[in-house]
Amino acid sequence: MLLVVDAGNTNIVFGVFQGEELLHSWRISTHRSHHRTGDELTILLHNLLGLIGLSFESLDGAAVCSVVPPLNDGIKRMCHEMLKIDTLFIDSKEQDFITLNYRVPEEVGADRIVNAVAAKELFGSPVVVVDFGTATTFDVVTRDGSYDGGLIFPGIGISSEALFTRTSKLPKVEFCKPPHMVGKSTEESIQAGLYYGYVKMVKGILEELKKELPEASVVSTGGYSRMINRNNPGLFNSVEKDLTVKGLKICYDSYKGN
């Protein structure tokens, strides 16, 4: 079985594949895990696996992508020293899964590389990936299958938190589609600004990208992707909530094949 670990700024996702099937995945808050040691992560994983009747002996490999440097040593210790399994750690400096048309390739986040690889493999190219994570990112894979770069925006959660923490009277609100575009209360007004602002931004960016790659499909992932897609049918060609963990599996299979 393959262990996959996606360490993001908001959550760490652990997943387990048996063959091509994703048996289970768990999402743990990164905020509480930022400085966890390898021992602590090993205990956490042991407990998670136990919930579905698995043990460390079930694992024979791991694939990891991380954008949280303080976690990297702990994850590496867990995989190499505690689990003693063959581990692929995605690194933009050394990866050869996709060509990076980036001025400084080392700056491309491991999660963006993995998402691009997954989208290319699962949906073909050209393809645009919209990821609603801590940051909202657009990543472009060209006709020839190369990663061409993208756009990075403050994420929905960050924007909402900024209004709450940087103002004296504005409340923290749930991100959702409000009953009216013109809010009838402070809470509805904030929801309208966040929701319609982000939806219009996504639509506008995709409209511009489609001028350059009119035949590109659009794949969405991340926490808010399904809700936005549900309220805006046709905006995305596909919503793939497990895009990153599936991309890790694809990268690991390629790594083992080579």
C-alpha atoms as a PDB file:
ATOM      1  CA  MET A   1       0.000   0.000   0.000  1.00  0.00           C
ATOM      2  CA  LEU A   2       1.109   3.559  -0.700  1.00  0.00           C
ATOM      3  CA  LEU A   3       1.032   6.350   1.873  1.00  0.00           C
ATOM      4  CA  VAL A   4       0.588   9.859   0.446  1.00  0.00           C
ATOM      5  CA  VAL A   5       1.146  13.039   2.450  1.00  0.00           C
ATOM      6  CA  ASP A   6       0.124  16.513   1.276  1.00  0.00           C
ATOM      7  CA  ALA A   7       1.366  19.081   3.813  1.00  0.00           C
ATOM      8  CA  GLY A   8      -0.296  22.425   3.105  1.00  0.00           C
ATOM      9  CA  ASN A   9      -0.479  25.678   5.009  1.00  0.00           C
ATOM     10  CA  THR A  10      -3.964  24.965   6.346  1.00  0.00           C
ATOM     11  CA  ASN A  11      -4.190  21.156   6.438  1.00  0.00           C
ATOM     12  CA  ILE A  12      -2.051  18.046   6.237  1.00  0.00           C
ATOM     13  CA  VAL A  13      -3.746  15.312   4.218  1.00  0.00           C
ATOM     14  CA  PHE A  14      -2.781  11.685   4.786  1.00  0.00           C
ATOM     15  CA  GLY A  15      -4.071   9.129   2.285  1.00  0.00           C
ATOM     16  CA  VAL A  16      -3.654   5.419   1.673  1.00  0.00           C
ATOM     17  CA  PHE A  17      -3.830   3.753  -1.747  1.00  0.00           C
ATOM     18  CA  GLN A  18      -4.333   0.064  -2.336  1.00  0.00           C
ATOM     19  CA  GLY A  19      -3.455  -0.409  -5.971  1.00  0.00           C
ATOM     20  CA  GLU A  20      -5.304   2.311  -7.870  1.00  0.00           C
ATOM     21  CA  GLU A  21      -7.958   2.779  -5.173  1.00  0.00           C
ATOM     22  CA  LEU A  22      -7.767   5.547  -2.594  1.00  0.00           C
ATOM     23  CA  LEU A  23      -8.904   3.606   0.463  1.00  0.00           C
ATOM     24  CA  HIS A  24      -9.154   6.540   2.825  1.00  0.00           C
ATOM     25  CA  SER A  25      -7.831  10.027   3.498  1.00  0.00           C
ATOM     26  CA  TRP A  26      -7.670  12.218   6.597  1.00  0.00           C
ATOM     27  CA  ARG A  27      -7.357  15.990   6.911  1.00  0.00           C
ATOM     28  CA  ILE A  28      -5.493  17.359   9.946  1.00  0.00           C
ATOM     29  CA  SER A  29      -5.104  21.042  10.825  1.00  0.00           C
ATOM     30  CA  THR A  30      -1.592  22.221   9.951  1.00  0.00           C
ATOM     31  CA  HIS A  31      -1.809  25.033  12.509  1.00  0.00           C
ATOM     32  CA  ARG A  32      -1.642  22.525  15.363  1.00  0.00           C
ATOM     33  CA  SER A  33       0.922  20.375  13.534  1.00  0.00           C
ATOM     34  CA  HIS A  34       3.426  22.982  12.348  1.00  0.00           C
ATOM     35  CA  HIS A  35       6.245  21.873  14.601  1.00  0.00           C
ATOM     36  CA  ARG A  36       5.321  18.256  15.246  1.00  0.00           C
ATOM     37  CA  THR A  37       8.284  15.925  15.453  1.00  0.00           C
ATOM     38  CA  GLY A  38       8.702  12.737  13.474  1.00  0.00           C
ATOM     39  CA  ASP A  39       7.723  10.767  16.591  1.00  0.00           C
ATOM     40  CA  GLU A  40       4.498  12.745  16.990  1.00  0.00           C
ATOM     41  CA  LEU A  41       3.579  12.378  13.317  1.00  0.00           C
ATOM     42  CA  THR A  42       4.265   8.632  13.531  1.00  0.00           C
ATOM     43  CA  ILE A  43       1.907   8.274  16.510  1.00  0.00           C
ATOM     44  CA  LEU A  44      -0.742  10.322  14.694  1.00  0.00           C
ATOM     45  CA  LEU A  45      -0.468   8.159  11.566  1.00  0.00           C
ATOM     46  CA  HIS A  46      -0.553   4.962  13.666  1.00  0.00           C
ATOM     47  CA  ASN A  47      -3.856   6.075  15.206  1.00  0.00           C
ATOM     48  CA  LEU A  48      -5.354   7.083  11.861  1.00  0.00           C
ATOM     49  CA  LEU A  49      -4.452   3.774  10.226  1.00  0.00           C
ATOM     50  CA  GLY A  50      -5.900   1.923  13.194  1.00  0.00           C
ATOM     51  CA  LEU A  51      -9.285   3.502  12.540  1.00  0.00           C
ATOM     52  CA  ILE A  52      -9.560   1.486   9.299  1.00  0.00           C
ATOM     53  CA  GLY A  53      -7.833  -1.640  10.563  1.00  0.00           C
ATOM     54  CA  LEU A  54      -4.398  -1.049   9.030  1.00  0.00           C
ATOM     55  CA  SER A  55      -0.909  -0.956  10.490  1.00  0.00           C
ATOM     56  CA  PHE A  56       2.522   0.271   9.449  1.00  0.00           C
ATOM     57  CA  GLU A  57       3.291  -3.182   8.051  1.00  0.00           C
ATOM     58  CA  SER A  58       0.646  -2.540   5.374  1.00  0.00           C
ATOM     59  CA  LEU A  59       2.720   0.302   3.890  1.00  0.00           C
ATOM     60  CA  ASP A  60       5.487  -0.301   1.380  1.00  0.00           C
ATOM     61  CA  GLY A  61       6.016   3.199  -0.030  1.00  0.00           C
ATOM     62  CA  ALA A  62       5.244   6.883   0.445  1.00  0.00           C
ATOM     63  CA  ALA A  63       4.924  10.007  -1.699  1.00  0.00           C
ATOM     64  CA  VAL A  64       5.089  13.427  -0.065  1.00  0.00           C
ATOM     65  CA  CYS A  65       4.631  17.025  -1.121  1.00  0.00           C
ATOM     66  CA  SER A  66       5.027  19.847   1.377  1.00  0.00           C
ATOM     67  CA  VAL A  67       4.881  23.625   1.281  1.00  0.00           C
ATOM     68  CA  VAL A  68       5.519  23.906   5.037  1.00  0.00           C
ATOM     69  CA  PRO A  69       9.312  23.720   5.605  1.00  0.00           C
ATOM     70  CA  PRO A  70       9.070  23.345   9.431  1.00  0.00           C
ATOM     71  CA  LEU A  71       7.232  20.045   8.886  1.00  0.00           C
ATOM     72  CA  ASN A  72       9.658  18.535   6.400  1.00  0.00           C
ATOM     73  CA  ASP A  73      12.197  17.108   8.818  1.00  0.00           C
ATOM     74  CA  GLY A  74       9.440  15.498  10.894  1.00  0.00           C
ATOM     75  CA  ILE A  75       7.805  13.927   7.839  1.00  0.00           C
ATOM     76  CA  LYS A  76      11.146  12.632   6.554  1.00  0.00           C
ATOM     77  CA  ARG A  77      12.001  11.134   9.948  1.00  0.00           C
ATOM     78  CA  MET A  78       8.572   9.464  10.105  1.00  0.00           C
ATOM     79  CA  CYS A  79       8.970   7.890   6.664  1.00  0.00           C
ATOM     80  CA  HIS A  80      12.662   7.014   6.651  1.00  0.00           C
ATOM     81  CA  GLU A  81      13.508   6.231  10.268  1.00  0.00           C
ATOM     82  CA  MET A  82      10.213   5.141  11.821  1.00  0.00           C
ATOM     83  CA  LEU A  83       8.344   3.481   8.930  1.00  0.00           C
ATOM     84  CA  LYS A  84      11.492   2.573   6.958  1.00  0.00           C
ATOM     85  CA  ILE A  85       9.668   2.741   3.629  1.00  0.00           C
ATOM     86  CA  ASP A  86      10.779   3.876   0.181  1.00  0.00           C
ATOM     87  CA  THR A  87       9.774   7.553   0.014  1.00  0.00           C
ATOM     88  CA  LEU A  88       9.420  10.035  -2.847  1.00  0.00           C
ATOM     89  CA  PHE A  89       9.642  13.629  -1.601  1.00  0.00           C
ATOM     90  CA  ILE A  90       8.519  15.981  -4.395  1.00  0.00           C
ATOM     91  CA  ASP A  91      11.083  18.748  -4.863  1.00  0.00           C
ATOM     92  CA  SER A  92      10.918  21.306  -7.665  1.00  0.00           C
ATOM     93  CA  LYS A  93      14.734  21.312  -7.862  1.00  0.00           C
ATOM     94  CA  GLU A  94      14.965  17.623  -8.703  1.00  0.00           C
ATOM     95  CA  GLN A  95      11.609  16.556 -10.156  1.00  0.00           C
ATOM     96  CA  ASP A  96      11.328  15.310 -13.733  1.00  0.00           C
ATOM     97  CA  PHE A  97       7.592  14.598 -13.836  1.00  0.00           C
ATOM     98  CA  ILE A  98       6.727  17.702 -15.850  1.00  0.00           C
ATOM     99  CA  THR A  99       8.697  20.408 -17.689  1.00  0.00           C
ATOM    100  CA  LEU A 100       8.575  23.715 -15.787  1.00  0.00           C
ATOM    101  CA  ASN A 101       8.427  26.816 -18.015  1.00  0.00           C
ATOM    102  CA  TYR A 102       9.116  29.029 -15.001  1.00  0.00           C
ATOM    103  CA  ARG A 103      11.788  31.706 -14.758  1.00  0.00           C
ATOM    104  CA  VAL A 104      13.035  30.171 -11.500  1.00  0.00           C
ATOM    105  CA  PRO A 105      11.744  26.556 -11.513  1.00  0.00           C
ATOM    106  CA  GLU A 106      12.741  26.060  -7.865  1.00  0.00           C
ATOM    107  CA  GLU A 107      10.052  28.562  -6.846  1.00  0.00           C
ATOM    108  CA  VAL A 108       7.163  26.385  -8.024  1.00  0.00           C
ATOM    109  CA  GLY A 109       5.388  24.863  -5.023  1.00  0.00           C
ATOM    110  CA  ALA A 110       5.402  21.083  -4.789  1.00  0.00           C
ATOM    111  CA  ASP A 111       1.598  21.035  -4.560  1.00  0.00           C
ATOM    112  CA  ARG A 112       1.283  23.017  -7.801  1.00  0.00           C
ATOM    113  CA  ILE A 113       3.614  20.577  -9.557  1.00  0.00           C
ATOM    114  CA  VAL A 114       1.648  17.583  -8.312  1.00  0.00           C
ATOM    115  CA  ASN A 115      -1.698  19.153  -9.283  1.00  0.00           C
ATOM    116  CA  ALA A 116      -0.397  19.893 -12.784  1.00  0.00           C
ATOM    117  CA  VAL A 117       0.881  16.319 -13.198  1.00  0.00           C
ATOM    118  CA  ALA A 118      -2.458  14.910 -12.011  1.00  0.00           C
ATOM    119  CA  ALA A 119      -4.551  17.181 -14.232  1.00  0.00           C
ATOM    120  CA  LYS A 120      -2.419  16.377 -17.275  1.00  0.00           C
ATOM    121  CA  GLU A 121      -2.644  12.629 -16.626  1.00  0.00           C
ATOM    122  CA  LEU A 122      -6.344  12.529 -15.760  1.00  0.00           C
ATOM    123  CA  PHE A 123      -7.744  15.146 -18.148  1.00  0.00           C
ATOM    124  CA  GLY A 124      -5.124  15.652 -20.862  1.00  0.00           C
ATOM    125  CA  SER A 125      -3.560  18.915 -21.959  1.00  0.00           C
ATOM    126  CA  PRO A 126      -3.981  21.809 -22.248  1.00  0.00           C
ATOM    127  CA  VAL A 127      -5.613  22.110 -18.849  1.00  0.00           C
ATOM    128  CA  VAL A 128      -6.069  24.778 -16.188  1.00  0.00           C
ATOM    129  CA  VAL A 129      -6.151  23.843 -12.496  1.00  0.00           C
ATOM    130  CA  VAL A 130      -8.008  26.125 -10.082  1.00  0.00           C
ATOM    131  CA  ASP A 131      -7.120  25.282  -6.476  1.00  0.00           C
ATOM    132  CA  PHE A 132      -9.125  26.882  -3.665  1.00  0.00           C
ATOM    133  CA  GLY A 133      -6.625  26.353  -0.864  1.00  0.00           C
ATOM    134  CA  THR A 134      -4.949  28.711   1.593  1.00  0.00           C
ATOM    135  CA  ALA A 135      -4.135  30.659  -1.567  1.00  0.00           C
ATOM    136  CA  THR A 136      -6.362  30.511  -4.626  1.00  0.00           C
ATOM    137  CA  THR A 137      -4.128  29.441  -7.511  1.00  0.00           C
ATOM    138  CA  PHE A 138      -4.526  28.996 -11.260  1.00  0.00           C
ATOM    139  CA  ASP A 139      -1.990  26.688 -12.912  1.00  0.00           C
ATOM    140  CA  VAL A 140      -1.660  26.217 -16.661  1.00  0.00           C
ATOM    141  CA  VAL A 141      -0.472  23.129 -18.526  1.00  0.00           C
ATOM    142  CA  THR A 142       0.166  23.854 -22.206  1.00  0.00           C
ATOM    143  CA  ARG A 143      -0.724  21.847 -25.293  1.00  0.00           C
ATOM    144  CA  ASP A 144       2.649  20.110 -25.219  1.00  0.00           C
ATOM    145  CA  GLY A 145       2.154  19.060 -21.584  1.00  0.00           C
ATOM    146  CA  SER A 146       4.511  21.585 -19.954  1.00  0.00           C
ATOM    147  CA  TYR A 147       3.759  23.556 -16.800  1.00  0.00           C
ATOM    148  CA  ASP A 148       3.570  27.162 -17.983  1.00  0.00           C
ATOM    149  CA  GLY A 149       3.037  29.053 -14.713  1.00  0.00           C
ATOM    150  CA  GLY A 150      -0.073  30.602 -13.255  1.00  0.00           C
ATOM    151  CA  LEU A 151      -1.635  33.128 -10.918  1.00  0.00           C
ATOM    152  CA  ILE A 152      -1.741  33.297  -7.118  1.00  0.00           C
ATOM    153  CA  PHE A 153      -4.398  35.168  -5.135  1.00  0.00           C
ATOM    154  CA  PRO A 154      -5.113  35.450  -1.403  1.00  0.00           C
ATOM    155  CA  GLY A 155      -7.366  32.542  -0.487  1.00  0.00           C
ATOM    156  CA  ILE A 156     -10.990  32.876   0.525  1.00  0.00           C
ATOM    157  CA  GLY A 157     -10.233  32.023   4.153  1.00  0.00           C
ATOM    158  CA  ILE A 158      -7.349  34.512   4.323  1.00  0.00           C
ATOM    159  CA  SER A 159      -9.516  37.297   2.877  1.00  0.00           C
ATOM    160  CA  SER A 160     -12.333  36.606   5.330  1.00  0.00           C
ATOM    161  CA  GLU A 161      -9.902  36.433   8.251  1.00  0.00           C
ATOM    162  CA  ALA A 162      -8.274  39.716   7.222  1.00  0.00           C
ATOM    163  CA  LEU A 163     -11.600  41.561   7.359  1.00  0.00           C
ATOM    164  CA  PHE A 164     -12.308  40.112  10.803  1.00  0.00           C
ATOM    165  CA  THR A 165      -8.873  40.731  12.337  1.00  0.00           C
ATOM    166  CA  ARG A 166      -8.078  44.112  10.753  1.00  0.00           C
ATOM    167  CA  THR A 167     -11.397  45.835  11.493  1.00  0.00           C
ATOM    168  CA  SER A 168     -13.125  46.617  14.779  1.00  0.00           C
ATOM    169  CA  LYS A 169     -16.756  45.957  13.913  1.00  0.00           C
ATOM    170  CA  LEU A 170     -16.876  43.499  11.012  1.00  0.00           C
ATOM    171  CA  PRO A 171     -17.768  39.941  12.082  1.00  0.00           C
ATOM    172  CA  LYS A 172     -16.236  36.681  10.910  1.00  0.00           C
ATOM    173  CA  VAL A 173     -18.680  35.020   8.515  1.00  0.00           C
ATOM    174  CA  GLU A 174     -19.151  31.715   6.728  1.00  0.00           C
ATOM    175  CA  PHE A 175     -18.216  31.733   3.057  1.00  0.00           C
ATOM    176  CA  CYS A 176     -21.416  30.923   1.184  1.00  0.00           C
ATOM    177  CA  LYS A 177     -23.720  32.309  -1.479  1.00  0.00           C
ATOM    178  CA  PRO A 178     -25.937  34.902   0.233  1.00  0.00           C
ATOM    179  CA  PRO A 179     -29.669  35.169  -0.524  1.00  0.00           C
ATOM    180  CA  HIS A 180     -29.149  38.470  -2.417  1.00  0.00           C
ATOM    181  CA  MET A 181     -26.229  40.178  -4.142  1.00  0.00           C
ATOM    182  CA  VAL A 182     -27.036  43.344  -2.199  1.00  0.00           C
ATOM    183  CA  GLY A 183     -26.611  42.340   1.444  1.00  0.00           C
ATOM    184  CA  LYS A 184     -29.360  43.333   3.874  1.00  0.00           C
ATOM    185  CA  SER A 185     -27.091  43.048   6.915  1.00  0.00           C
ATOM    186  CA  THR A 186     -23.395  43.425   7.652  1.00  0.00           C
ATOM    187  CA  GLU A 187     -22.972  39.647   7.609  1.00  0.00           C
ATOM    188  CA  GLU A 188     -24.785  39.300   4.266  1.00  0.00           C
ATOM    189  CA  SER A 189     -22.809  42.220   2.820  1.00  0.00           C
ATOM    190  CA  ILE A 190     -19.499  40.568   3.692  1.00  0.00           C
ATOM    191  CA  GLN A 191     -20.716  37.243   2.316  1.00  0.00           C
ATOM    192  CA  ALA A 192     -21.827  38.950  -0.894  1.00  0.00           C
ATOM    193  CA  GLY A 193     -18.476  40.710  -1.273  1.00  0.00           C
ATOM    194  CA  LEU A 194     -16.499  37.527  -0.698  1.00  0.00           C
ATOM    195  CA  TYR A 195     -18.695  35.192  -2.737  1.00  0.00           C
ATOM    196  CA  TYR A 196     -19.449  37.363  -5.764  1.00  0.00           C
ATOM    197  CA  GLY A 197     -15.980  38.900  -5.703  1.00  0.00           C
ATOM    198  CA  TYR A 198     -14.298  35.493  -5.890  1.00  0.00           C
ATOM    199  CA  VAL A 199     -16.724  33.994  -8.390  1.00  0.00           C
ATOM    200  CA  LYS A 200     -16.410  36.985 -10.718  1.00  0.00           C
ATOM    201  CA  MET A 201     -12.632  36.900 -10.330  1.00  0.00           C
ATOM    202  CA  VAL A 202     -12.513  33.195 -11.236  1.00  0.00           C
ATOM    203  CA  LYS A 203     -14.810  33.698 -14.218  1.00  0.00           C
ATOM    204  CA  GLY A 204     -12.801  36.673 -15.444  1.00  0.00           C
ATOM    205  CA  ILE A 205      -9.429  34.937 -15.131  1.00  0.00           C
ATOM    206  CA  LEU A 206     -10.690  31.801 -16.884  1.00  0.00           C
ATOM    207  CA  GLU A 207     -12.166  33.929 -19.667  1.00  0.00           C
ATOM    208  CA  GLU A 208      -8.760  35.525 -20.266  1.00  0.00           C
ATOM    209  CA  LEU A 209      -6.892  32.206 -20.082  1.00  0.00           C
ATOM    210  CA  LYS A 210      -9.333  30.669 -22.564  1.00  0.00           C
ATOM    211  CA  LYS A 211      -8.343  33.334 -25.096  1.00  0.00           C
ATOM    212  CA  GLU A 212      -4.835  31.856 -25.098  1.00  0.00           C
ATOM    213  CA  LEU A 213      -5.898  28.203 -24.739  1.00  0.00           C
ATOM    214  CA  PRO A 214      -9.494  27.981 -26.003  1.00  0.00           C
ATOM    215  CA  GLU A 215      -9.492  24.177 -25.977  1.00  0.00           C
ATOM    216  CA  ALA A 216      -8.217  23.878 -22.393  1.00  0.00           C
ATOM    217  CA  SER A 217     -10.335  21.996 -19.880  1.00  0.00           C
ATOM    218  CA  VAL A 218     -10.682  23.466 -16.390  1.00  0.00           C
ATOM    219  CA  VAL A 219     -10.269  21.323 -13.279  1.00  0.00           C
ATOM    220  CA  SER A 220     -11.096  22.626  -9.830  1.00  0.00           C
ATOM    221  CA  THR A 221      -9.931  21.334  -6.466  1.00  0.00           C
ATOM    222  CA  GLY A 222      -9.698  22.544  -2.885  1.00  0.00           C
ATOM    223  CA  GLY A 223     -12.105  23.178  -0.058  1.00  0.00           C
ATOM    224  CA  TYR A 224     -14.588  25.522  -1.742  1.00  0.00           C
ATOM    225  CA  SER A 225     -14.517  24.024  -5.234  1.00  0.00           C
ATOM    226  CA  ARG A 226     -17.648  21.896  -4.925  1.00  0.00           C
ATOM    227  CA  MET A 227     -19.762  24.687  -3.424  1.00  0.00           C
ATOM    228  CA  ILE A 228     -18.698  27.176  -6.114  1.00  0.00           C
ATOM    229  CA  ASN A 229     -19.286  24.592  -8.839  1.00  0.00           C
ATOM    230  CA  ARG A 230     -22.724  23.711  -7.458  1.00  0.00           C
ATOM    231  CA  ASN A 231     -23.813  27.358  -7.643  1.00  0.00           C
ATOM    232  CA  ASN A 232     -22.115  28.017 -10.998  1.00  0.00           C
ATOM    233  CA  PRO A 233     -22.691  24.979 -13.216  1.00  0.00           C
ATOM    234  CA  GLY A 234     -20.445  24.887 -16.244  1.00  0.00           C
ATOM    235  CA  LEU A 235     -17.729  27.046 -14.712  1.00  0.00           C
ATOM    236  CA  PHE A 236     -15.442  24.001 -14.396  1.00  0.00           C
ATOM    237  CA  ASN A 237     -15.262  20.936 -16.598  1.00  0.00           C
ATOM    238  CA  SER A 238     -14.507  18.793 -13.571  1.00  0.00           C
ATOM    239  CA  VAL A 239     -14.197  19.037  -9.790  1.00  0.00           C
ATOM    240  CA  GLU A 240     -11.625  16.662  -8.302  1.00  0.00           C
ATOM    241  CA  LYS A 241     -11.366  16.960  -4.528  1.00  0.00           C
ATOM    242  CA  ASP A 242      -8.549  14.382  -4.352  1.00  0.00           C
ATOM    243  CA  LEU A 243      -6.475  15.857  -7.186  1.00  0.00           C
ATOM    244  CA  THR A 244      -3.307  16.346  -5.128  1.00  0.00           C
ATOM    245  CA  VAL A 245      -3.279  12.907  -3.502  1.00  0.00           C
ATOM    246  CA  LYS A 246      -3.992  11.299  -6.877  1.00  0.00           C
ATOM    247  CA  GLY A 247      -1.137  13.325  -8.325  1.00  0.00           C
ATOM    248  CA  LEU A 248       1.177  11.987  -5.630  1.00  0.00           C
ATOM    249  CA  LYS A 249       0.187   8.452  -6.604  1.00  0.00           C
ATOM    250  CA  ILE A 250       0.868   9.213 -10.294  1.00  0.00           C
ATOM    251  CA  CYS A 251       4.287  10.699  -9.450  1.00  0.00           C
ATOM    252  CA  TYR A 252       5.207   7.720  -7.278  1.00  0.00           C
ATOM    253  CA  ASP A 253       4.228   5.238  -9.985  1.00  0.00           C
ATOM    254  CA  SER A 254       6.370   7.138 -12.477  1.00  0.00           C
ATOM    255  CA  TYR A 255       9.262   7.275 -10.009  1.00  0.00           C
ATOM    256  CA  LYS A 256       9.082   3.506  -9.427  1.00  0.00           C
ATOM    257  CA  GLY A 257       8.757   2.847 -13.144  1.00  0.00           C
ATOM    258  CA  ASN A 258      11.943   4.782 -13.838  1.00  0.00           C
END
